[in-house]
PDB file of all heavy atoms in Angstrom:
ATOM      1  N   LEU A   1      12.422   5.641  19.933  1.00  0.00           N
ATOM      2  CA  LEU A   1      11.252   5.539  20.880  1.00  0.00           C
ATOM      3  C   LEU A   1      11.301   4.082  21.466  1.00  0.00           C
ATOM      4  O   LEU A   1      11.018   3.939  22.704  1.00  0.00           O
ATOM      5  CB  LEU A   1       9.829   5.750  20.163  1.00  0.00           C
ATOM      6  CG  LEU A   1       8.648   5.796  20.965  1.00  0.00           C
ATOM      7  CD1 LEU A   1       8.748   6.787  22.030  1.00  0.00           C
ATOM      8  CD2 LEU A   1       7.386   5.903  20.159  1.00  0.00           C
ATOM      9  N   ARG A   2      11.655   3.129  20.568  1.00  0.00           N
ATOM     10  CA  ARG A   2      11.753   1.766  21.088  1.00  0.00           C
ATOM     11  C   ARG A   2      12.800   1.659  22.199  1.00  0.00           C
ATOM     12  O   ARG A   2      12.673   1.031  23.207  1.00  0.00           O
ATOM     13  CB  ARG A   2      12.041   0.800  19.915  1.00  0.00           C
ATOM     14  CG  ARG A   2      11.891  -0.704  20.340  1.00  0.00           C
ATOM     15  CD  ARG A   2      12.256  -1.528  19.100  1.00  0.00           C
ATOM     16  NE  ARG A   2      11.216  -1.247  18.103  1.00  0.00           N
ATOM     17  CZ  ARG A   2      11.542  -1.245  16.708  1.00  0.00           C
ATOM     18  NH1 ARG A   2      12.784  -1.453  16.340  1.00  0.00           N
ATOM     19  NH2 ARG A   2      10.570  -0.977  15.891  1.00  0.00           N
ATOM     20  N   CYS A   3      13.958   2.262  21.954  1.00  0.00           N
ATOM     21  CA  CYS A   3      15.059   2.210  23.033  1.00  0.00           C
ATOM     22  C   CYS A   3      14.483   2.914  24.247  1.00  0.00           C
ATOM     23  O   CYS A   3      14.780   2.418  25.449  1.00  0.00           O
ATOM     24  CB  CYS A   3      16.207   3.025  22.451  1.00  0.00           C
ATOM     25  SG  CYS A   3      17.112   2.087  21.098  1.00  0.00           S
ATOM     26  N   LEU A   4      13.875   4.066  24.150  1.00  0.00           N
ATOM     27  CA  LEU A   4      13.373   4.792  25.395  1.00  0.00           C
ATOM     28  C   LEU A   4      12.453   3.887  26.186  1.00  0.00           C
ATOM     29  O   LEU A   4      12.560   4.025  27.344  1.00  0.00           O
ATOM     30  CB  LEU A   4      12.715   6.087  24.789  1.00  0.00           C
ATOM     31  CG  LEU A   4      12.290   7.095  25.885  1.00  0.00           C
ATOM     32  CD1 LEU A   4      13.466   7.498  26.704  1.00  0.00           C
ATOM     33  CD2 LEU A   4      11.609   8.315  25.229  1.00  0.00           C
ATOM     34  N   ARG A   5      11.606   3.141  25.466  1.00  0.00           N
ATOM     35  CA  ARG A   5      10.602   2.370  26.181  1.00  0.00           C
ATOM     36  C   ARG A   5      11.263   1.162  26.927  1.00  0.00           C
ATOM     37  O   ARG A   5      10.493   0.506  27.635  1.00  0.00           O
ATOM     38  CB  ARG A   5       9.545   1.942  25.235  1.00  0.00           C
ATOM     39  CG  ARG A   5       8.637   3.148  24.755  1.00  0.00           C
ATOM     40  CD  ARG A   5       7.725   2.734  23.667  1.00  0.00           C
ATOM     41  NE  ARG A   5       6.709   3.805  23.416  1.00  0.00           N
ATOM     42  CZ  ARG A   5       5.892   3.759  22.334  1.00  0.00           C
ATOM     43  NH1 ARG A   5       5.949   2.842  21.494  1.00  0.00           N
ATOM     44  NH2 ARG A   5       5.062   4.813  22.153  1.00  0.00           N
ATOM     45  N   GLN A   6      12.512   0.852  26.687  1.00  0.00           N
ATOM     46  CA  GLN A   6      13.148  -0.307  27.354  1.00  0.00           C
ATOM     47  C   GLN A   6      14.224   0.259  28.181  1.00  0.00           C
ATOM     48  O   GLN A   6      14.975  -0.575  28.802  1.00  0.00           O
ATOM     49  CB  GLN A   6      13.740  -1.217  26.291  1.00  0.00           C
ATOM     50  CG  GLN A   6      12.706  -1.827  25.330  1.00  0.00           C
ATOM     51  CD  GLN A   6      13.304  -2.986  24.573  1.00  0.00           C
ATOM     52  OE1 GLN A   6      14.399  -3.476  24.807  1.00  0.00           O
ATOM     53  NE2 GLN A   6      12.589  -3.432  23.459  1.00  0.00           N
ATOM     54  N   ALA A   7      14.319   1.523  28.519  1.00  0.00           N
ATOM     55  CA  ALA A   7      15.446   2.117  29.246  1.00  0.00           C
ATOM     56  C   ALA A   7      15.238   1.825  30.854  1.00  0.00           C
ATOM     57  O   ALA A   7      14.176   1.795  31.321  1.00  0.00           O
ATOM     58  CB  ALA A   7      15.543   3.622  29.030  1.00  0.00           C
ATOM     59  N   ASP A   8      16.399   1.566  31.426  1.00  0.00           N
ATOM     60  CA  ASP A   8      16.471   1.608  32.894  1.00  0.00           C
ATOM     61  C   ASP A   8      16.846   2.997  33.510  1.00  0.00           C
ATOM     62  O   ASP A   8      16.477   3.280  34.550  1.00  0.00           O
ATOM     63  CB  ASP A   8      17.605   0.524  33.245  1.00  0.00           C
ATOM     64  CG  ASP A   8      17.247  -0.858  32.909  1.00  0.00           C
ATOM     65  OD1 ASP A   8      16.010  -1.279  33.127  1.00  0.00           O
ATOM     66  OD2 ASP A   8      18.148  -1.539  32.274  1.00  0.00           O
ATOM     67  N   VAL A   9      17.610   3.748  32.606  1.00  0.00           N
ATOM     68  CA  VAL A   9      18.065   5.055  32.965  1.00  0.00           C
ATOM     69  C   VAL A   9      17.949   5.906  31.780  1.00  0.00           C
ATOM     70  O   VAL A   9      18.362   5.552  30.687  1.00  0.00           O
ATOM     71  CB  VAL A   9      19.558   5.032  33.538  1.00  0.00           C
ATOM     72  CG1 VAL A   9      20.007   6.433  33.865  1.00  0.00           C
ATOM     73  CG2 VAL A   9      19.836   4.008  34.619  1.00  0.00           C
ATOM     74  N   VAL A  10      17.443   7.150  31.954  1.00  0.00           N
ATOM     75  CA  VAL A  10      17.364   8.125  30.865  1.00  0.00           C
ATOM     76  C   VAL A  10      18.102   9.372  31.299  1.00  0.00           C
ATOM     77  O   VAL A  10      17.757   9.991  32.278  1.00  0.00           O
ATOM     78  CB  VAL A  10      15.840   8.445  30.537  1.00  0.00           C
ATOM     79  CG1 VAL A  10      15.848   9.482  29.390  1.00  0.00           C
ATOM     80  CG2 VAL A  10      15.076   7.315  30.222  1.00  0.00           C
ATOM     81  N   VAL A  11      19.156   9.689  30.569  1.00  0.00           N
ATOM     82  CA  VAL A  11      19.892  10.921  30.938  1.00  0.00           C
ATOM     83  C   VAL A  11      19.548  11.909  29.785  1.00  0.00           C
ATOM     84  O   VAL A  11      19.832  11.738  28.513  1.00  0.00           O
ATOM     85  CB  VAL A  11      21.357  10.685  30.915  1.00  0.00           C
ATOM     86  CG1 VAL A  11      22.129  11.966  31.236  1.00  0.00           C
ATOM     87  CG2 VAL A  11      21.790   9.514  31.867  1.00  0.00           C
ATOM     88  N   TYR A  12      18.793  12.961  30.085  1.00  0.00           N
ATOM     89  CA  TYR A  12      18.160  13.769  29.123  1.00  0.00           C
ATOM     90  C   TYR A  12      18.560  15.318  29.122  1.00  0.00           C
ATOM     91  O   TYR A  12      19.073  15.732  30.193  1.00  0.00           O
ATOM     92  CB  TYR A  12      16.676  13.731  29.199  1.00  0.00           C
ATOM     93  CG  TYR A  12      16.119  14.286  30.499  1.00  0.00           C
ATOM     94  CD1 TYR A  12      15.547  15.598  30.481  1.00  0.00           C
ATOM     95  CD2 TYR A  12      16.028  13.572  31.637  1.00  0.00           C
ATOM     96  CE1 TYR A  12      15.020  16.096  31.714  1.00  0.00           C
ATOM     97  CE2 TYR A  12      15.494  14.007  32.871  1.00  0.00           C
ATOM     98  CZ  TYR A  12      14.944  15.311  32.841  1.00  0.00           C
ATOM     99  OH  TYR A  12      14.429  15.764  33.973  1.00  0.00           O
ATOM    100  N   ASP A  13      18.509  15.967  28.044  1.00  0.00           N
ATOM    101  CA  ASP A  13      18.915  17.314  27.912  1.00  0.00           C
ATOM    102  C   ASP A  13      17.744  18.327  28.089  1.00  0.00           C
ATOM    103  O   ASP A  13      16.542  17.946  28.180  1.00  0.00           O
ATOM    104  CB  ASP A  13      19.431  17.574  26.587  1.00  0.00           C
ATOM    105  CG  ASP A  13      20.989  17.032  26.403  1.00  0.00           C
ATOM    106  OD1 ASP A  13      21.553  16.734  27.496  1.00  0.00           O
ATOM    107  OD2 ASP A  13      21.469  16.923  25.205  1.00  0.00           O
ATOM    108  N   ARG A  14      18.104  19.583  28.180  1.00  0.00           N
ATOM    109  CA  ARG A  14      17.146  20.671  28.440  1.00  0.00           C
ATOM    110  C   ARG A  14      16.066  20.755  27.510  1.00  0.00           C
ATOM    111  O   ARG A  14      14.888  21.121  27.847  1.00  0.00           O
ATOM    112  CB  ARG A  14      18.036  22.012  28.517  1.00  0.00           C
ATOM    113  CG  ARG A  14      17.051  23.218  28.712  1.00  0.00           C
ATOM    114  CD  ARG A  14      17.979  24.368  28.822  1.00  0.00           C
ATOM    115  NE  ARG A  14      18.595  24.785  27.699  1.00  0.00           N
ATOM    116  CZ  ARG A  14      18.195  25.754  26.795  1.00  0.00           C
ATOM    117  NH1 ARG A  14      17.057  26.422  27.014  1.00  0.00           N
ATOM    118  NH2 ARG A  14      18.940  26.110  25.734  1.00  0.00           N
ATOM    119  N   LEU A  15      16.242  20.457  26.207  1.00  0.00           N
ATOM    120  CA  LEU A  15      15.308  20.707  25.245  1.00  0.00           C
ATOM    121  C   LEU A  15      14.407  19.525  24.914  1.00  0.00           C
ATOM    122  O   LEU A  15      13.615  19.453  23.924  1.00  0.00           O
ATOM    123  CB  LEU A  15      15.939  21.194  23.879  1.00  0.00           C
ATOM    124  CG  LEU A  15      16.691  22.528  23.998  1.00  0.00           C
ATOM    125  CD1 LEU A  15      17.304  22.872  22.681  1.00  0.00           C
ATOM    126  CD2 LEU A  15      15.816  23.610  24.575  1.00  0.00           C
ATOM    127  N   VAL A  16      14.477  18.409  25.688  1.00  0.00           N
ATOM    128  CA  VAL A  16      13.786  17.234  25.424  1.00  0.00           C
ATOM    129  C   VAL A  16      12.435  17.406  25.983  1.00  0.00           C
ATOM    130  O   VAL A  16      12.221  17.853  27.208  1.00  0.00           O
ATOM    131  CB  VAL A  16      14.391  15.962  26.118  1.00  0.00           C
ATOM    132  CG1 VAL A  16      13.485  14.858  26.114  1.00  0.00           C
ATOM    133  CG2 VAL A  16      15.771  15.675  25.431  1.00  0.00           C
ATOM    134  N   ASP A  17      11.328  17.174  25.263  1.00  0.00           N
ATOM    135  CA  ASP A  17       9.923  17.350  25.614  1.00  0.00           C
ATOM    136  C   ASP A  17       9.582  16.282  26.696  1.00  0.00           C
ATOM    137  O   ASP A  17       9.897  15.107  26.624  1.00  0.00           O
ATOM    138  CB  ASP A  17       9.039  17.098  24.425  1.00  0.00           C
ATOM    139  CG  ASP A  17       7.667  17.667  24.570  1.00  0.00           C
ATOM    140  OD1 ASP A  17       6.918  16.960  25.421  1.00  0.00           O
ATOM    141  OD2 ASP A  17       7.256  18.676  24.111  1.00  0.00           O
ATOM    142  N   ALA A  18       8.858  16.890  27.746  1.00  0.00           N
ATOM    143  CA  ALA A  18       8.438  16.023  28.829  1.00  0.00           C
ATOM    144  C   ALA A  18       7.587  14.831  28.464  1.00  0.00           C
ATOM    145  O   ALA A  18       7.575  13.796  29.055  1.00  0.00           O
ATOM    146  CB  ALA A  18       7.686  16.862  29.872  1.00  0.00           C
ATOM    147  N   ARG A  19       6.824  14.944  27.286  1.00  0.00           N
ATOM    148  CA  ARG A  19       6.103  13.877  26.803  1.00  0.00           C
ATOM    149  C   ARG A  19       6.890  12.661  26.359  1.00  0.00           C
ATOM    150  O   ARG A  19       6.453  11.472  26.391  1.00  0.00           O
ATOM    151  CB  ARG A  19       5.130  14.366  25.693  1.00  0.00           C
ATOM    152  CG  ARG A  19       4.061  15.199  26.136  1.00  0.00           C
ATOM    153  CD  ARG A  19       3.280  15.859  24.958  1.00  0.00           C
ATOM    154  NE  ARG A  19       4.158  16.970  24.321  1.00  0.00           N
ATOM    155  CZ  ARG A  19       3.737  17.678  23.349  1.00  0.00           C
ATOM    156  NH1 ARG A  19       2.506  17.575  22.885  1.00  0.00           N
ATOM    157  NH2 ARG A  19       4.498  18.615  22.869  1.00  0.00           N
ATOM    158  N   LEU A  20       8.143  12.902  25.858  1.00  0.00           N
ATOM    159  CA  LEU A  20       9.053  11.759  25.629  1.00  0.00           C
ATOM    160  C   LEU A  20       9.503  11.099  26.862  1.00  0.00           C
ATOM    161  O   LEU A  20       9.591   9.885  26.865  1.00  0.00           O
ATOM    162  CB  LEU A  20      10.243  12.296  24.769  1.00  0.00           C
ATOM    163  CG  LEU A  20       9.978  12.599  23.346  1.00  0.00           C
ATOM    164  CD1 LEU A  20      11.248  12.978  22.654  1.00  0.00           C
ATOM    165  CD2 LEU A  20       9.453  11.277  22.614  1.00  0.00           C
ATOM    166  N   LEU A  21       9.849  11.859  27.902  1.00  0.00           N
ATOM    167  CA  LEU A  21      10.211  11.310  29.164  1.00  0.00           C
ATOM    168  C   LEU A  21       9.132  10.351  29.640  1.00  0.00           C
ATOM    169  O   LEU A  21       9.444   9.317  30.267  1.00  0.00           O
ATOM    170  CB  LEU A  21      10.584  12.317  30.214  1.00  0.00           C
ATOM    171  CG  LEU A  21      11.702  13.240  29.843  1.00  0.00           C
ATOM    172  CD1 LEU A  21      11.862  14.229  30.938  1.00  0.00           C
ATOM    173  CD2 LEU A  21      12.990  12.377  29.633  1.00  0.00           C
ATOM    174  N   ALA A  22       7.880  10.684  29.434  1.00  0.00           N
ATOM    175  CA  ALA A  22       6.875   9.822  29.973  1.00  0.00           C
ATOM    176  C   ALA A  22       6.768   8.517  29.217  1.00  0.00           C
ATOM    177  O   ALA A  22       6.021   7.509  29.654  1.00  0.00           O
ATOM    178  CB  ALA A  22       5.510  10.556  29.729  1.00  0.00           C
ATOM    179  N   GLU A  23       7.440   8.326  28.084  1.00  0.00           N
ATOM    180  CA  GLU A  23       7.517   7.115  27.296  1.00  0.00           C
ATOM    181  C   GLU A  23       8.429   5.977  27.953  1.00  0.00           C
ATOM    182  O   GLU A  23       8.341   4.921  27.643  1.00  0.00           O
ATOM    183  CB  GLU A  23       7.913   7.381  25.832  1.00  0.00           C
ATOM    184  CG  GLU A  23       6.887   8.135  25.104  1.00  0.00           C
ATOM    185  CD  GLU A  23       5.671   7.394  24.815  1.00  0.00           C
ATOM    186  OE1 GLU A  23       5.671   6.080  24.807  1.00  0.00           O
ATOM    187  OE2 GLU A  23       4.605   8.012  24.445  1.00  0.00           O
ATOM    188  N   ALA A  24       9.292   6.491  28.734  1.00  0.00           N
ATOM    189  CA  ALA A  24      10.164   5.499  29.448  1.00  0.00           C
ATOM    190  C   ALA A  24       9.367   4.683  30.564  1.00  0.00           C
ATOM    191  O   ALA A  24       8.427   5.248  30.970  1.00  0.00           O
ATOM    192  CB  ALA A  24      11.344   6.308  30.150  1.00  0.00           C
ATOM    193  N   PRO A  25       9.785   3.597  30.895  1.00  0.00           N
ATOM    194  CA  PRO A  25       9.117   2.842  31.940  1.00  0.00           C
ATOM    195  C   PRO A  25       8.958   3.560  33.267  1.00  0.00           C
ATOM    196  O   PRO A  25       9.925   4.375  33.606  1.00  0.00           O
ATOM    197  CB  PRO A  25      10.054   1.585  32.138  1.00  0.00           C
ATOM    198  CG  PRO A  25      10.751   1.419  30.848  1.00  0.00           C
ATOM    199  CD  PRO A  25      11.061   2.786  30.278  1.00  0.00           C
ATOM    200  N   PRO A  26       7.811   3.420  33.954  1.00  0.00           N
ATOM    201  CA  PRO A  26       7.718   4.221  35.160  1.00  0.00           C
ATOM    202  C   PRO A  26       8.823   4.014  36.180  1.00  0.00           C
ATOM    203  O   PRO A  26       9.197   5.025  36.891  1.00  0.00           O
ATOM    204  CB  PRO A  26       6.435   3.650  35.765  1.00  0.00           C
ATOM    205  CG  PRO A  26       5.624   3.143  34.559  1.00  0.00           C
ATOM    206  CD  PRO A  26       6.677   2.567  33.643  1.00  0.00           C
ATOM    207  N   ALA A  27       9.548   2.895  36.248  1.00  0.00           N
ATOM    208  CA  ALA A  27      10.582   2.596  37.188  1.00  0.00           C
ATOM    209  C   ALA A  27      11.825   3.097  36.677  1.00  0.00           C
ATOM    210  O   ALA A  27      12.875   3.103  37.421  1.00  0.00           O
ATOM    211  CB  ALA A  27      10.619   1.077  37.476  1.00  0.00           C
ATOM    212  N   ALA A  28      12.016   3.562  35.421  1.00  0.00           N
ATOM    213  CA  ALA A  28      13.286   4.115  34.906  1.00  0.00           C
ATOM    214  C   ALA A  28      13.734   5.409  35.680  1.00  0.00           C
ATOM    215  O   ALA A  28      12.953   6.255  36.013  1.00  0.00           O
ATOM    216  CB  ALA A  28      13.127   4.351  33.424  1.00  0.00           C
ATOM    217  N   ARG A  29      15.006   5.346  35.978  1.00  0.00           N
ATOM    218  CA  ARG A  29      15.525   6.545  36.559  1.00  0.00           C
ATOM    219  C   ARG A  29      15.801   7.657  35.541  1.00  0.00           C
ATOM    220  O   ARG A  29      16.305   7.375  34.413  1.00  0.00           O
ATOM    221  CB  ARG A  29      16.882   6.154  37.256  1.00  0.00           C
ATOM    222  CG  ARG A  29      17.625   7.468  37.839  1.00  0.00           C
ATOM    223  CD  ARG A  29      18.950   7.000  38.389  1.00  0.00           C
ATOM    224  NE  ARG A  29      19.632   8.196  38.930  1.00  0.00           N
ATOM    225  CZ  ARG A  29      20.970   8.145  39.290  1.00  0.00           C
ATOM    226  NH1 ARG A  29      21.671   7.045  39.159  1.00  0.00           N
ATOM    227  NH2 ARG A  29      21.591   9.248  39.779  1.00  0.00           N
ATOM    228  N   ARG A  30      15.315   8.905  35.837  1.00  0.00           N
ATOM    229  CA  ARG A  30      15.507   9.996  34.918  1.00  0.00           C
ATOM    230  C   ARG A  30      16.484  11.009  35.582  1.00  0.00           C
ATOM    231  O   ARG A  30      16.167  11.496  36.551  1.00  0.00           O
ATOM    232  CB  ARG A  30      14.099  10.583  34.707  1.00  0.00           C
ATOM    233  CG  ARG A  30      13.174   9.724  33.935  1.00  0.00           C
ATOM    234  CD  ARG A  30      11.672  10.082  34.134  1.00  0.00           C
ATOM    235  NE  ARG A  30      10.767   9.429  33.261  1.00  0.00           N
ATOM    236  CZ  ARG A  30      10.288   8.185  33.523  1.00  0.00           C
ATOM    237  NH1 ARG A  30      10.772   7.503  34.661  1.00  0.00           N
ATOM    238  NH2 ARG A  30       9.475   7.543  32.695  1.00  0.00           N
ATOM    239  N   VAL A  31      17.414  11.318  34.752  1.00  0.00           N
ATOM    240  CA  VAL A  31      18.625  12.147  35.165  1.00  0.00           C
ATOM    241  C   VAL A  31      18.636  13.404  34.289  1.00  0.00           C
ATOM    242  O   VAL A  31      18.890  13.245  33.116  1.00  0.00           O
ATOM    243  CB  VAL A  31      19.950  11.469  35.285  1.00  0.00           C
ATOM    244  CG1 VAL A  31      20.963  12.357  35.806  1.00  0.00           C
ATOM    245  CG2 VAL A  31      19.870  10.206  36.120  1.00  0.00           C
ATOM    246  N   TYR A  32      18.468  14.610  34.846  1.00  0.00           N
ATOM    247  CA  TYR A  32      18.528  15.726  34.040  1.00  0.00           C
ATOM    248  C   TYR A  32      20.011  16.138  33.851  1.00  0.00           C
ATOM    249  O   TYR A  32      20.806  16.321  34.895  1.00  0.00           O
ATOM    250  CB  TYR A  32      17.783  16.938  34.699  1.00  0.00           C
ATOM    251  CG  TYR A  32      17.917  18.222  33.924  1.00  0.00           C
ATOM    252  CD1 TYR A  32      17.297  18.407  32.626  1.00  0.00           C
ATOM    253  CD2 TYR A  32      18.536  19.362  34.526  1.00  0.00           C
ATOM    254  CE1 TYR A  32      17.384  19.565  32.012  1.00  0.00           C
ATOM    255  CE2 TYR A  32      18.544  20.539  33.916  1.00  0.00           C
ATOM    256  CZ  TYR A  32      18.030  20.640  32.620  1.00  0.00           C
ATOM    257  OH  TYR A  32      18.099  21.877  31.902  1.00  0.00           O
TER     258      TYR A  32
END
C-alpha cells in the first residue's frame, strides 16, 4: 500500500479491486 501511494504509474491486472487503484495519487497514470 505504501508503494502504491507513492506511484507515478500503476500497471494493474484484471482482478485488482478498484478501491486499491484509488489509493494511488490522483495524478498517477493507471494502465490496464
